[in-house]
N, C-alpha and C. Protein backbone atom coordinates (compact mmCIF):
# COMPACT_ATOMS: atom_id res chain seq x y z
N MET A 1 0.84 -1.19 0.00
CA MET A 1 0.00 0.00 0.00
C MET A 1 0.88 1.25 0.00
N SER A 2 0.60 2.20 -0.89
CA SER A 2 1.39 3.42 -0.94
C SER A 2 1.11 4.29 0.27
N ILE A 3 2.07 5.19 0.56
CA ILE A 3 1.90 6.11 1.68
C ILE A 3 0.66 6.97 1.48
N TRP A 4 0.46 7.44 0.24
CA TRP A 4 -0.68 8.33 -0.03
C TRP A 4 -2.01 7.61 0.16
N LEU A 5 -2.05 6.36 -0.26
CA LEU A 5 -3.29 5.60 -0.09
C LEU A 5 -3.56 5.37 1.39
N GLY A 6 -2.49 5.09 2.14
CA GLY A 6 -2.65 4.91 3.58
C GLY A 6 -3.15 6.16 4.26
N LEU A 7 -2.60 7.32 3.86
CA LEU A 7 -3.04 8.59 4.44
C LEU A 7 -4.49 8.90 4.07
N ARG A 8 -4.84 8.57 2.85
CA ARG A 8 -6.22 8.83 2.40
C ARG A 8 -7.20 8.02 3.24
N ARG A 9 -6.87 6.76 3.47
CA ARG A 9 -7.75 5.91 4.28
C ARG A 9 -7.81 6.39 5.72
N TYR A 10 -6.67 6.86 6.22
CA TYR A 10 -6.63 7.37 7.59
C TYR A 10 -7.56 8.57 7.74
N TRP A 11 -7.47 9.53 6.81
CA TRP A 11 -8.30 10.73 6.92
C TRP A 11 -9.77 10.43 6.65
N GLN A 12 -10.03 9.47 5.78
CA GLN A 12 -11.42 9.08 5.53
C GLN A 12 -12.03 8.49 6.80
N ARG A 13 -11.27 7.63 7.47
CA ARG A 13 -11.77 7.03 8.71
C ARG A 13 -11.92 8.10 9.80
N HIS A 14 -10.96 9.02 9.86
CA HIS A 14 -11.02 10.11 10.83
C HIS A 14 -12.30 10.93 10.64
N ARG A 15 -12.63 11.22 9.39
CA ARG A 15 -13.84 11.99 9.08
C ARG A 15 -15.09 11.22 9.48
N GLN A 16 -15.09 9.91 9.20
CA GLN A 16 -16.26 9.09 9.54
C GLN A 16 -16.47 9.01 11.05
N LEU A 17 -15.39 8.88 11.80
CA LEU A 17 -15.50 8.77 13.25
C LEU A 17 -16.00 10.06 13.88
N ASN A 18 -15.86 11.17 13.18
CA ASN A 18 -16.32 12.45 13.69
C ASN A 18 -17.75 12.77 13.27
N GLN A 19 -18.35 11.91 12.47
CA GLN A 19 -19.75 12.09 12.10
C GLN A 19 -20.65 11.63 13.25
N SER A 20 -21.88 12.07 13.24
CA SER A 20 -22.85 11.66 14.26
C SER A 20 -22.95 10.14 14.33
N TRP A 21 -22.99 9.61 15.53
CA TRP A 21 -23.11 8.16 15.68
C TRP A 21 -24.38 7.64 15.04
N ARG A 22 -25.43 8.48 14.97
CA ARG A 22 -26.70 8.04 14.39
C ARG A 22 -26.66 7.98 12.86
N ALA A 23 -25.60 8.54 12.28
CA ALA A 23 -25.49 8.53 10.82
C ALA A 23 -24.86 7.24 10.30
N HIS A 24 -24.41 6.40 11.20
CA HIS A 24 -23.67 5.21 10.79
C HIS A 24 -24.55 3.97 10.73
N ARG A 25 -24.01 3.00 10.06
CA ARG A 25 -24.63 1.68 9.95
C ARG A 25 -23.86 0.72 10.87
N TYR A 26 -24.60 -0.15 11.54
CA TYR A 26 -24.00 -1.07 12.50
C TYR A 26 -24.39 -2.51 12.17
N ILE A 27 -23.51 -3.43 12.46
CA ILE A 27 -23.79 -4.85 12.31
C ILE A 27 -23.66 -5.51 13.68
N ALA A 28 -24.79 -5.92 14.25
CA ALA A 28 -24.77 -6.65 15.52
C ALA A 28 -24.62 -8.13 15.20
N LEU A 29 -23.62 -8.76 15.80
CA LEU A 29 -23.26 -10.13 15.42
C LEU A 29 -23.04 -11.00 16.64
N ASP A 30 -23.37 -12.27 16.49
CA ASP A 30 -23.05 -13.25 17.54
C ASP A 30 -22.60 -14.55 16.88
N LEU A 31 -21.70 -15.24 17.54
CA LEU A 31 -21.21 -16.54 17.08
C LEU A 31 -21.56 -17.61 18.10
N GLU A 32 -21.77 -18.82 17.61
CA GLU A 32 -21.75 -19.99 18.48
C GLU A 32 -20.51 -20.78 18.11
N THR A 33 -19.74 -21.19 19.10
CA THR A 33 -18.46 -21.85 18.85
C THR A 33 -18.41 -23.19 19.59
N SER A 34 -17.50 -24.05 19.15
CA SER A 34 -17.37 -25.38 19.75
C SER A 34 -16.59 -25.34 21.06
N GLY A 35 -15.95 -24.23 21.35
CA GLY A 35 -15.16 -24.08 22.57
C GLY A 35 -14.77 -22.63 22.75
N LEU A 36 -13.81 -22.39 23.61
CA LEU A 36 -13.44 -21.02 23.96
C LEU A 36 -12.10 -20.58 23.40
N ASP A 37 -11.41 -21.47 22.70
CA ASP A 37 -10.07 -21.16 22.19
C ASP A 37 -10.13 -20.92 20.68
N PRO A 38 -9.94 -19.68 20.22
CA PRO A 38 -10.03 -19.41 18.78
C PRO A 38 -8.94 -20.10 17.96
N LYS A 39 -7.87 -20.56 18.61
CA LYS A 39 -6.79 -21.23 17.89
C LYS A 39 -7.14 -22.68 17.55
N THR A 40 -8.00 -23.28 18.34
CA THR A 40 -8.28 -24.71 18.14
C THR A 40 -9.76 -25.03 17.95
N ASP A 41 -10.64 -24.15 18.37
CA ASP A 41 -12.07 -24.44 18.29
C ASP A 41 -12.70 -23.84 17.03
N GLN A 42 -13.91 -24.23 16.75
CA GLN A 42 -14.58 -23.90 15.49
C GLN A 42 -15.74 -22.93 15.68
N VAL A 43 -16.00 -22.16 14.64
CA VAL A 43 -17.24 -21.38 14.58
C VAL A 43 -18.34 -22.30 14.07
N LEU A 44 -19.35 -22.50 14.88
CA LEU A 44 -20.45 -23.39 14.52
C LEU A 44 -21.55 -22.67 13.75
N ALA A 45 -21.85 -21.45 14.17
CA ALA A 45 -22.94 -20.69 13.55
C ALA A 45 -22.68 -19.20 13.72
N MET A 46 -23.21 -18.43 12.79
CA MET A 46 -23.08 -16.98 12.79
C MET A 46 -24.45 -16.36 12.57
N GLY A 47 -24.75 -15.33 13.32
CA GLY A 47 -25.98 -14.58 13.10
C GLY A 47 -25.70 -13.10 13.20
N TRP A 48 -26.31 -12.31 12.33
CA TRP A 48 -26.13 -10.86 12.42
C TRP A 48 -27.33 -10.13 11.83
N VAL A 49 -27.41 -8.86 12.20
CA VAL A 49 -28.51 -8.01 11.74
C VAL A 49 -27.98 -6.58 11.62
N THR A 50 -28.53 -5.84 10.67
CA THR A 50 -28.10 -4.46 10.43
C THR A 50 -28.93 -3.49 11.26
N ILE A 51 -28.26 -2.47 11.79
CA ILE A 51 -28.92 -1.42 12.57
C ILE A 51 -28.63 -0.08 11.92
N ARG A 52 -29.69 0.68 11.70
CA ARG A 52 -29.58 2.08 11.29
C ARG A 52 -30.38 2.87 12.32
N PRO A 53 -29.70 3.40 13.33
CA PRO A 53 -30.40 4.00 14.48
C PRO A 53 -31.54 4.93 14.05
N PRO A 54 -32.70 4.75 14.66
CA PRO A 54 -33.00 3.87 15.80
C PRO A 54 -33.57 2.51 15.41
N VAL A 55 -33.40 2.09 14.16
CA VAL A 55 -34.11 0.92 13.64
C VAL A 55 -33.18 -0.29 13.52
N ILE A 56 -33.65 -1.43 14.01
CA ILE A 56 -33.01 -2.71 13.72
C ILE A 56 -33.75 -3.30 12.52
N ASP A 57 -33.04 -3.47 11.43
CA ASP A 57 -33.66 -3.93 10.18
C ASP A 57 -33.70 -5.46 10.16
N HIS A 58 -34.81 -6.03 10.59
CA HIS A 58 -34.92 -7.49 10.65
C HIS A 58 -34.92 -8.11 9.26
N ARG A 59 -35.22 -7.33 8.24
CA ARG A 59 -35.17 -7.87 6.88
C ARG A 59 -33.73 -8.16 6.45
N SER A 60 -32.78 -7.54 7.14
CA SER A 60 -31.37 -7.73 6.80
C SER A 60 -30.75 -8.91 7.55
N ALA A 61 -31.55 -9.62 8.32
CA ALA A 61 -31.01 -10.66 9.20
C ALA A 61 -30.39 -11.82 8.41
N HIS A 62 -29.31 -12.34 8.96
CA HIS A 62 -28.65 -13.51 8.38
C HIS A 62 -28.32 -14.50 9.48
N TYR A 63 -28.48 -15.78 9.16
CA TYR A 63 -28.10 -16.84 10.08
C TYR A 63 -27.50 -17.98 9.27
N PHE A 64 -26.29 -18.36 9.60
CA PHE A 64 -25.60 -19.42 8.88
C PHE A 64 -25.07 -20.46 9.87
N VAL A 65 -25.34 -21.72 9.60
CA VAL A 65 -24.62 -22.81 10.27
C VAL A 65 -23.43 -23.13 9.37
N THR A 66 -22.23 -23.16 9.94
CA THR A 66 -21.02 -23.17 9.12
C THR A 66 -20.22 -24.46 9.19
N GLN A 67 -20.66 -25.43 9.98
CA GLN A 67 -19.93 -26.70 10.08
C GLN A 67 -20.89 -27.86 9.83
N VAL A 68 -20.41 -28.86 9.10
CA VAL A 68 -21.24 -30.03 8.79
C VAL A 68 -21.15 -31.08 9.88
N ASN A 69 -19.94 -31.39 10.32
CA ASN A 69 -19.74 -32.46 11.31
C ASN A 69 -18.71 -32.00 12.33
N PRO A 70 -19.05 -31.02 13.15
CA PRO A 70 -18.06 -30.44 14.05
C PRO A 70 -17.76 -31.32 15.25
N GLU A 71 -16.59 -31.07 15.84
CA GLU A 71 -16.24 -31.72 17.09
C GLU A 71 -16.75 -30.84 18.22
N LEU A 72 -17.79 -31.28 18.90
CA LEU A 72 -18.43 -30.47 19.93
C LEU A 72 -17.78 -30.74 21.29
N LYS A 73 -17.07 -29.73 21.79
CA LYS A 73 -16.40 -29.87 23.08
C LYS A 73 -17.29 -29.43 24.23
N GLN A 74 -18.30 -28.65 23.91
CA GLN A 74 -19.17 -28.13 24.96
C GLN A 74 -20.56 -28.75 24.86
N SER A 75 -21.26 -28.74 25.96
CA SER A 75 -22.63 -29.23 26.00
C SER A 75 -23.54 -28.34 25.16
N PRO A 76 -24.59 -28.90 24.54
CA PRO A 76 -25.56 -28.06 23.83
C PRO A 76 -26.18 -26.99 24.71
N VAL A 77 -26.13 -27.18 26.03
CA VAL A 77 -26.62 -26.15 26.94
C VAL A 77 -25.82 -24.87 26.76
N VAL A 78 -24.53 -25.00 26.39
CA VAL A 78 -23.64 -23.85 26.24
C VAL A 78 -23.86 -23.16 24.90
N HIS A 79 -23.82 -23.93 23.80
CA HIS A 79 -23.94 -23.30 22.49
C HIS A 79 -25.30 -23.48 21.84
N GLY A 80 -26.18 -24.25 22.46
CA GLY A 80 -27.56 -24.33 22.00
C GLY A 80 -27.77 -25.12 20.73
N MET A 81 -26.79 -25.94 20.31
CA MET A 81 -26.90 -26.65 19.05
C MET A 81 -26.76 -28.15 19.26
N VAL A 82 -27.52 -28.92 18.48
CA VAL A 82 -27.42 -30.37 18.49
C VAL A 82 -27.11 -30.84 17.08
N GLN A 83 -26.82 -32.13 16.93
CA GLN A 83 -26.30 -32.63 15.66
C GLN A 83 -27.21 -32.33 14.47
N ARG A 84 -28.52 -32.41 14.66
CA ARG A 84 -29.42 -32.18 13.52
C ARG A 84 -29.34 -30.75 12.99
N ASP A 85 -28.90 -29.81 13.85
CA ASP A 85 -28.77 -28.43 13.40
C ASP A 85 -27.74 -28.29 12.29
N PHE A 86 -26.76 -29.20 12.27
CA PHE A 86 -25.66 -29.08 11.31
C PHE A 86 -25.99 -29.68 9.95
N GLU A 87 -27.16 -30.31 9.84
CA GLU A 87 -27.57 -30.88 8.56
C GLU A 87 -27.86 -29.78 7.54
N ALA A 88 -28.15 -28.58 8.02
CA ALA A 88 -28.44 -27.46 7.12
C ALA A 88 -27.24 -26.53 6.94
N ALA A 89 -26.05 -27.04 7.23
CA ALA A 89 -24.84 -26.20 7.14
C ALA A 89 -24.63 -25.69 5.72
N GLU A 90 -24.14 -24.46 5.62
CA GLU A 90 -23.85 -23.84 4.33
C GLU A 90 -22.36 -23.62 4.20
N ALA A 91 -21.91 -23.37 2.98
CA ALA A 91 -20.48 -23.17 2.73
C ALA A 91 -19.98 -21.97 3.53
N PRO A 92 -18.95 -22.15 4.35
CA PRO A 92 -18.43 -21.02 5.14
C PRO A 92 -18.02 -19.83 4.28
N GLN A 93 -17.49 -20.12 3.06
CA GLN A 93 -17.07 -19.02 2.19
C GLN A 93 -18.21 -18.08 1.88
N MET A 94 -19.41 -18.63 1.67
CA MET A 94 -20.57 -17.81 1.34
C MET A 94 -20.94 -16.91 2.51
N ALA A 95 -20.95 -17.50 3.71
CA ALA A 95 -21.30 -16.72 4.90
C ALA A 95 -20.30 -15.60 5.13
N LEU A 96 -19.02 -15.93 5.03
CA LEU A 96 -17.97 -14.95 5.29
C LEU A 96 -17.95 -13.85 4.22
N ALA A 97 -18.17 -14.23 2.97
CA ALA A 97 -18.20 -13.23 1.90
C ALA A 97 -19.35 -12.26 2.10
N GLN A 98 -20.52 -12.78 2.49
CA GLN A 98 -21.67 -11.92 2.77
C GLN A 98 -21.37 -10.98 3.92
N LEU A 99 -20.78 -11.52 4.99
CA LEU A 99 -20.44 -10.69 6.14
C LEU A 99 -19.41 -9.63 5.77
N ALA A 100 -18.42 -9.99 4.98
CA ALA A 100 -17.38 -9.03 4.58
C ALA A 100 -17.99 -7.85 3.83
N ARG A 101 -18.94 -8.14 2.94
CA ARG A 101 -19.59 -7.06 2.18
C ARG A 101 -20.35 -6.13 3.13
N GLU A 102 -21.05 -6.70 4.09
CA GLU A 102 -21.89 -5.88 4.96
C GLU A 102 -21.09 -5.12 6.00
N LEU A 103 -19.89 -5.61 6.33
CA LEU A 103 -19.06 -4.91 7.31
C LEU A 103 -18.33 -3.71 6.72
N GLN A 104 -18.25 -3.63 5.40
CA GLN A 104 -17.56 -2.49 4.79
C GLN A 104 -18.24 -1.19 5.20
N GLY A 105 -17.50 -0.33 5.88
CA GLY A 105 -18.03 0.97 6.29
C GLY A 105 -18.97 0.91 7.48
N ALA A 106 -19.14 -0.26 8.08
CA ALA A 106 -20.06 -0.42 9.21
C ALA A 106 -19.28 -0.63 10.51
N VAL A 107 -19.97 -0.44 11.61
CA VAL A 107 -19.40 -0.69 12.94
C VAL A 107 -19.88 -2.06 13.41
N LEU A 108 -18.94 -2.92 13.77
CA LEU A 108 -19.28 -4.24 14.27
C LEU A 108 -19.61 -4.16 15.76
N ILE A 109 -20.75 -4.73 16.15
CA ILE A 109 -21.18 -4.75 17.55
C ILE A 109 -21.24 -6.20 18.03
N CYS A 110 -20.60 -6.47 19.15
CA CYS A 110 -20.67 -7.79 19.79
C CYS A 110 -20.72 -7.60 21.30
N HIS A 111 -21.18 -8.63 21.97
CA HIS A 111 -21.11 -8.65 23.44
C HIS A 111 -19.88 -9.48 23.79
N HIS A 112 -18.80 -8.81 24.11
CA HIS A 112 -17.43 -9.35 24.27
C HIS A 112 -16.81 -9.48 22.89
N VAL A 113 -16.56 -8.34 22.30
CA VAL A 113 -16.13 -8.30 20.90
C VAL A 113 -14.77 -8.94 20.69
N GLN A 114 -13.89 -8.88 21.69
CA GLN A 114 -12.57 -9.49 21.52
C GLN A 114 -12.68 -10.98 21.25
N PHE A 115 -13.57 -11.65 21.96
CA PHE A 115 -13.79 -13.08 21.78
C PHE A 115 -14.27 -13.37 20.36
N ASP A 116 -15.35 -12.71 19.94
CA ASP A 116 -15.91 -12.96 18.61
C ASP A 116 -14.94 -12.56 17.51
N TRP A 117 -14.24 -11.45 17.68
CA TRP A 117 -13.34 -10.97 16.64
C TRP A 117 -12.16 -11.91 16.44
N GLN A 118 -11.63 -12.48 17.51
CA GLN A 118 -10.53 -13.43 17.37
C GLN A 118 -10.98 -14.66 16.59
N PHE A 119 -12.16 -15.17 16.89
CA PHE A 119 -12.69 -16.30 16.14
C PHE A 119 -12.94 -15.92 14.68
N LEU A 120 -13.53 -14.75 14.46
CA LEU A 120 -13.82 -14.32 13.10
C LEU A 120 -12.56 -14.16 12.26
N GLN A 121 -11.54 -13.55 12.83
CA GLN A 121 -10.30 -13.33 12.08
C GLN A 121 -9.68 -14.65 11.65
N ARG A 122 -9.61 -15.59 12.56
CA ARG A 122 -9.02 -16.89 12.22
C ARG A 122 -9.88 -17.61 11.18
N PHE A 123 -11.19 -17.56 11.36
CA PHE A 123 -12.12 -18.22 10.45
C PHE A 123 -12.02 -17.61 9.05
N ALA A 124 -11.98 -16.28 9.00
CA ALA A 124 -11.91 -15.59 7.70
C ALA A 124 -10.57 -15.86 7.01
N LYS A 125 -9.50 -15.87 7.78
CA LYS A 125 -8.17 -16.13 7.20
C LYS A 125 -8.12 -17.52 6.60
N GLN A 126 -8.79 -18.46 7.23
CA GLN A 126 -8.82 -19.84 6.74
C GLN A 126 -9.42 -19.91 5.34
N TYR A 127 -10.35 -19.00 5.04
CA TYR A 127 -11.02 -19.00 3.73
C TYR A 127 -10.63 -17.80 2.88
N GLN A 128 -9.54 -17.14 3.27
CA GLN A 128 -8.97 -16.02 2.51
C GLN A 128 -9.99 -14.90 2.27
N VAL A 129 -10.70 -14.56 3.34
CA VAL A 129 -11.67 -13.47 3.30
C VAL A 129 -11.20 -12.38 4.25
N LYS A 130 -11.26 -11.13 3.81
CA LYS A 130 -10.87 -10.00 4.65
C LYS A 130 -12.10 -9.34 5.24
N LEU A 131 -12.10 -9.19 6.55
CA LEU A 131 -13.18 -8.50 7.25
C LEU A 131 -12.64 -7.17 7.73
N GLN A 132 -13.23 -6.07 7.25
CA GLN A 132 -12.69 -4.74 7.53
C GLN A 132 -13.79 -3.77 7.99
N PRO A 133 -14.29 -3.94 9.21
CA PRO A 133 -15.28 -2.98 9.71
C PRO A 133 -14.64 -1.62 9.94
N LEU A 134 -15.47 -0.59 9.93
CA LEU A 134 -14.98 0.75 10.24
C LEU A 134 -14.44 0.80 11.66
N ALA A 135 -15.14 0.17 12.58
CA ALA A 135 -14.75 0.15 13.99
C ALA A 135 -15.48 -1.00 14.67
N LYS A 136 -15.16 -1.23 15.94
CA LYS A 136 -15.82 -2.28 16.72
C LYS A 136 -16.33 -1.68 18.03
N PHE A 137 -17.53 -2.11 18.43
CA PHE A 137 -18.14 -1.64 19.67
C PHE A 137 -18.48 -2.85 20.52
N ASP A 138 -18.08 -2.81 21.79
CA ASP A 138 -18.30 -3.93 22.70
C ASP A 138 -19.34 -3.53 23.75
N THR A 139 -20.52 -4.13 23.67
CA THR A 139 -21.58 -3.80 24.63
C THR A 139 -21.20 -4.22 26.05
N LEU A 140 -20.39 -5.27 26.18
CA LEU A 140 -19.95 -5.72 27.51
C LEU A 140 -19.02 -4.69 28.14
N THR A 141 -18.00 -4.27 27.40
CA THR A 141 -17.04 -3.29 27.92
C THR A 141 -17.72 -1.97 28.22
N PHE A 142 -18.63 -1.55 27.34
CA PHE A 142 -19.34 -0.29 27.55
C PHE A 142 -20.14 -0.34 28.85
N GLU A 143 -20.79 -1.47 29.10
CA GLU A 143 -21.59 -1.61 30.31
C GLU A 143 -20.70 -1.65 31.56
N ALA A 144 -19.56 -2.32 31.46
CA ALA A 144 -18.63 -2.36 32.60
C ALA A 144 -18.14 -0.96 32.95
N GLN A 145 -17.83 -0.17 31.93
CA GLN A 145 -17.38 1.20 32.17
C GLN A 145 -18.50 2.05 32.77
N ARG A 146 -19.72 1.84 32.28
CA ARG A 146 -20.86 2.59 32.79
C ARG A 146 -21.09 2.29 34.27
N LEU A 147 -21.04 1.03 34.64
CA LEU A 147 -21.25 0.64 36.03
C LEU A 147 -20.11 1.15 36.92
N HIS A 148 -18.90 1.11 36.39
CA HIS A 148 -17.76 1.60 37.16
C HIS A 148 -17.89 3.10 37.43
N GLN A 149 -18.32 3.85 36.42
CA GLN A 149 -18.49 5.30 36.59
C GLN A 149 -19.58 5.62 37.60
N GLN A 150 -20.59 4.74 37.70
CA GLN A 150 -21.66 4.93 38.67
C GLN A 150 -21.33 4.31 40.02
N GLN A 151 -20.09 3.82 40.13
CA GLN A 151 -19.57 3.23 41.37
C GLN A 151 -20.39 2.02 41.82
N HIS A 152 -20.87 1.26 40.85
CA HIS A 152 -21.58 0.02 41.16
C HIS A 152 -20.56 -1.11 41.34
N HIS A 153 -20.84 -1.99 42.27
CA HIS A 153 -20.04 -3.21 42.40
C HIS A 153 -20.40 -4.14 41.25
N ILE A 154 -19.40 -4.62 40.53
CA ILE A 154 -19.65 -5.52 39.41
C ILE A 154 -19.55 -6.95 39.90
N ALA A 155 -20.69 -7.53 40.20
CA ALA A 155 -20.74 -8.89 40.74
C ALA A 155 -20.57 -9.92 39.63
N ARG A 156 -20.20 -11.11 40.02
CA ARG A 156 -20.07 -12.20 39.07
C ARG A 156 -21.40 -12.42 38.35
N GLY A 157 -21.35 -12.49 37.04
CA GLY A 157 -22.56 -12.72 36.26
C GLY A 157 -23.33 -11.47 35.90
N SER A 158 -22.87 -10.31 36.38
CA SER A 158 -23.62 -9.08 36.14
C SER A 158 -23.36 -8.47 34.77
N LEU A 159 -22.41 -9.05 34.03
CA LEU A 159 -22.11 -8.52 32.70
C LEU A 159 -22.50 -9.48 31.58
N THR A 160 -23.28 -10.51 31.91
CA THR A 160 -23.81 -11.35 30.84
C THR A 160 -24.76 -10.51 29.99
N LEU A 161 -25.01 -10.97 28.78
CA LEU A 161 -25.92 -10.24 27.90
C LEU A 161 -27.29 -10.11 28.55
N LYS A 162 -27.77 -11.17 29.16
CA LYS A 162 -29.08 -11.13 29.81
C LYS A 162 -29.11 -10.12 30.95
N ALA A 163 -28.08 -10.14 31.80
CA ALA A 163 -28.05 -9.22 32.95
C ALA A 163 -27.95 -7.77 32.49
N CYS A 164 -27.17 -7.52 31.46
CA CYS A 164 -27.04 -6.14 30.95
C CYS A 164 -28.37 -5.65 30.39
N ARG A 165 -29.07 -6.52 29.68
CA ARG A 165 -30.36 -6.14 29.11
C ARG A 165 -31.38 -5.86 30.21
N GLN A 166 -31.35 -6.64 31.28
CA GLN A 166 -32.31 -6.45 32.36
C GLN A 166 -32.18 -5.08 33.00
N ARG A 167 -30.97 -4.55 33.08
CA ARG A 167 -30.78 -3.22 33.67
C ARG A 167 -31.42 -2.13 32.81
N PHE A 168 -31.63 -2.42 31.53
CA PHE A 168 -32.29 -1.47 30.64
C PHE A 168 -33.76 -1.86 30.41
N HIS A 169 -34.24 -2.82 31.19
CA HIS A 169 -35.64 -3.28 31.12
C HIS A 169 -36.00 -3.80 29.73
N LEU A 170 -35.05 -4.47 29.11
CA LEU A 170 -35.30 -5.10 27.81
C LEU A 170 -35.80 -6.53 28.05
N PRO A 171 -36.64 -7.04 27.17
CA PRO A 171 -37.22 -8.37 27.39
C PRO A 171 -36.19 -9.49 27.27
N ASP A 172 -36.48 -10.60 27.91
CA ASP A 172 -35.61 -11.78 27.82
C ASP A 172 -35.85 -12.51 26.51
N TYR A 173 -34.76 -12.98 25.91
CA TYR A 173 -34.84 -13.86 24.74
C TYR A 173 -34.21 -15.20 25.11
N ALA A 174 -34.54 -16.23 24.34
CA ALA A 174 -33.85 -17.51 24.51
C ALA A 174 -32.38 -17.32 24.17
N ALA A 175 -31.52 -17.73 25.08
CA ALA A 175 -30.08 -17.52 24.89
C ALA A 175 -29.46 -18.64 24.06
N HIS A 176 -28.23 -18.40 23.62
CA HIS A 176 -27.41 -19.40 22.92
C HIS A 176 -27.98 -19.78 21.56
N HIS A 177 -28.46 -18.79 20.86
CA HIS A 177 -28.76 -18.93 19.43
C HIS A 177 -28.17 -17.70 18.77
N ALA A 178 -27.33 -17.92 17.77
CA ALA A 178 -26.54 -16.82 17.22
C ALA A 178 -27.41 -15.67 16.74
N PHE A 179 -28.56 -15.97 16.12
CA PHE A 179 -29.38 -14.87 15.61
C PHE A 179 -30.08 -14.11 16.71
N SER A 180 -30.75 -14.82 17.63
CA SER A 180 -31.47 -14.11 18.69
C SER A 180 -30.50 -13.36 19.59
N ASP A 181 -29.30 -13.89 19.80
CA ASP A 181 -28.31 -13.18 20.60
C ASP A 181 -27.79 -11.95 19.87
N ALA A 182 -27.70 -12.02 18.53
CA ALA A 182 -27.28 -10.84 17.76
C ALA A 182 -28.32 -9.73 17.88
N VAL A 183 -29.59 -10.08 17.77
CA VAL A 183 -30.66 -9.08 17.93
C VAL A 183 -30.64 -8.51 19.34
N ALA A 184 -30.48 -9.39 20.33
CA ALA A 184 -30.43 -8.95 21.72
C ALA A 184 -29.27 -7.99 21.95
N CYS A 185 -28.13 -8.28 21.35
CA CYS A 185 -26.96 -7.41 21.46
C CYS A 185 -27.23 -6.07 20.79
N GLY A 186 -27.88 -6.09 19.63
CA GLY A 186 -28.21 -4.85 18.93
C GLY A 186 -29.15 -3.97 19.72
N GLU A 187 -30.15 -4.58 20.35
CA GLU A 187 -31.08 -3.81 21.18
C GLU A 187 -30.36 -3.19 22.38
N LEU A 188 -29.46 -3.96 22.98
CA LEU A 188 -28.69 -3.43 24.11
C LEU A 188 -27.83 -2.25 23.66
N PHE A 189 -27.20 -2.37 22.50
CA PHE A 189 -26.40 -1.26 21.98
C PHE A 189 -27.22 0.01 21.85
N LEU A 190 -28.41 -0.10 21.25
CA LEU A 190 -29.24 1.08 21.07
C LEU A 190 -29.62 1.69 22.41
N ALA A 191 -29.95 0.84 23.39
CA ALA A 191 -30.29 1.35 24.72
C ALA A 191 -29.10 2.07 25.34
N GLN A 192 -27.93 1.49 25.22
CA GLN A 192 -26.73 2.10 25.78
C GLN A 192 -26.42 3.42 25.08
N ALA A 193 -26.46 3.41 23.76
CA ALA A 193 -26.09 4.59 22.99
C ALA A 193 -27.04 5.75 23.22
N TYR A 194 -28.35 5.46 23.24
CA TYR A 194 -29.30 6.55 23.44
C TYR A 194 -29.26 7.07 24.87
N GLN A 195 -28.97 6.21 25.83
CA GLN A 195 -28.82 6.71 27.20
C GLN A 195 -27.58 7.59 27.31
N TYR A 196 -26.51 7.21 26.62
CA TYR A 196 -25.26 7.95 26.69
C TYR A 196 -25.33 9.25 25.90
N ALA A 197 -25.83 9.17 24.67
CA ALA A 197 -25.80 10.33 23.77
C ALA A 197 -27.16 10.94 23.51
N GLY A 198 -28.24 10.24 23.86
CA GLY A 198 -29.56 10.75 23.58
C GLY A 198 -29.76 10.95 22.09
N SER A 199 -30.49 11.98 21.75
CA SER A 199 -30.71 12.31 20.33
C SER A 199 -29.68 13.30 19.83
N ASP A 200 -28.69 13.61 20.66
CA ASP A 200 -27.65 14.54 20.24
C ASP A 200 -26.82 13.92 19.13
N ASP A 201 -26.22 14.78 18.33
CA ASP A 201 -25.36 14.30 17.26
C ASP A 201 -23.94 14.09 17.77
N ALA A 202 -23.81 13.32 18.83
CA ALA A 202 -22.49 13.01 19.36
C ALA A 202 -21.70 12.23 18.31
N PRO A 203 -20.43 12.54 18.14
CA PRO A 203 -19.64 11.81 17.14
C PRO A 203 -19.46 10.35 17.54
N LEU A 204 -19.32 9.52 16.54
CA LEU A 204 -19.14 8.09 16.78
C LEU A 204 -17.96 7.82 17.71
N LYS A 205 -16.90 8.60 17.56
CA LYS A 205 -15.70 8.34 18.37
C LYS A 205 -15.98 8.46 19.87
N GLU A 206 -17.02 9.21 20.25
CA GLU A 206 -17.36 9.35 21.67
C GLU A 206 -17.89 8.02 22.22
N LEU A 207 -18.62 7.28 21.41
CA LEU A 207 -19.13 5.98 21.85
C LEU A 207 -18.04 4.93 21.92
N LEU A 208 -16.98 5.14 21.16
CA LEU A 208 -15.94 4.12 21.05
C LEU A 208 -14.82 4.29 22.06
N LYS A 209 -14.93 5.27 22.94
CA LYS A 209 -13.88 5.52 23.93
C LYS A 209 -13.71 4.32 24.85
């Protein structure tokens, strides 16, 4: 990459981060995995949905099962999947290519984004797909910072997706399904963002601190 192209991309991203957070497009995503180690475990399923504040566009929803015969190290209670779920598995390349297109210029939202992003990067590299979101937003980290600023004690289990949603009086969904968890994460993001910034045109970079 030339120096000039690198500078151009830097300034383009700088300009985008200074735009109103409500002007951006977001992708709320969740993965189900066979274990907790991105170096050795597999992505079993991916679910995501597009958000254009204040709207979650359910028509944009995607759900892919990505493994045909995976080695399941965890109980179905953890990842919510049983063997028959994998009979409808689709080619991982198709799922990743679709995700790559939708992440262009968008902000990726996850609940514990470091976990999902490490799995995604390894998975995408395996199929030679580049995932390049504009930025990443972690609803878990945002909530931890919010509670810390309010001098709340952060008890064990208080940062699960369900517990975070309950503090915003959001309804309970069935957990451990990539699509429903992606929607749940997206709703939590909107609640967090509107509480933090309201209807003000706060720049995106303020949410990403």
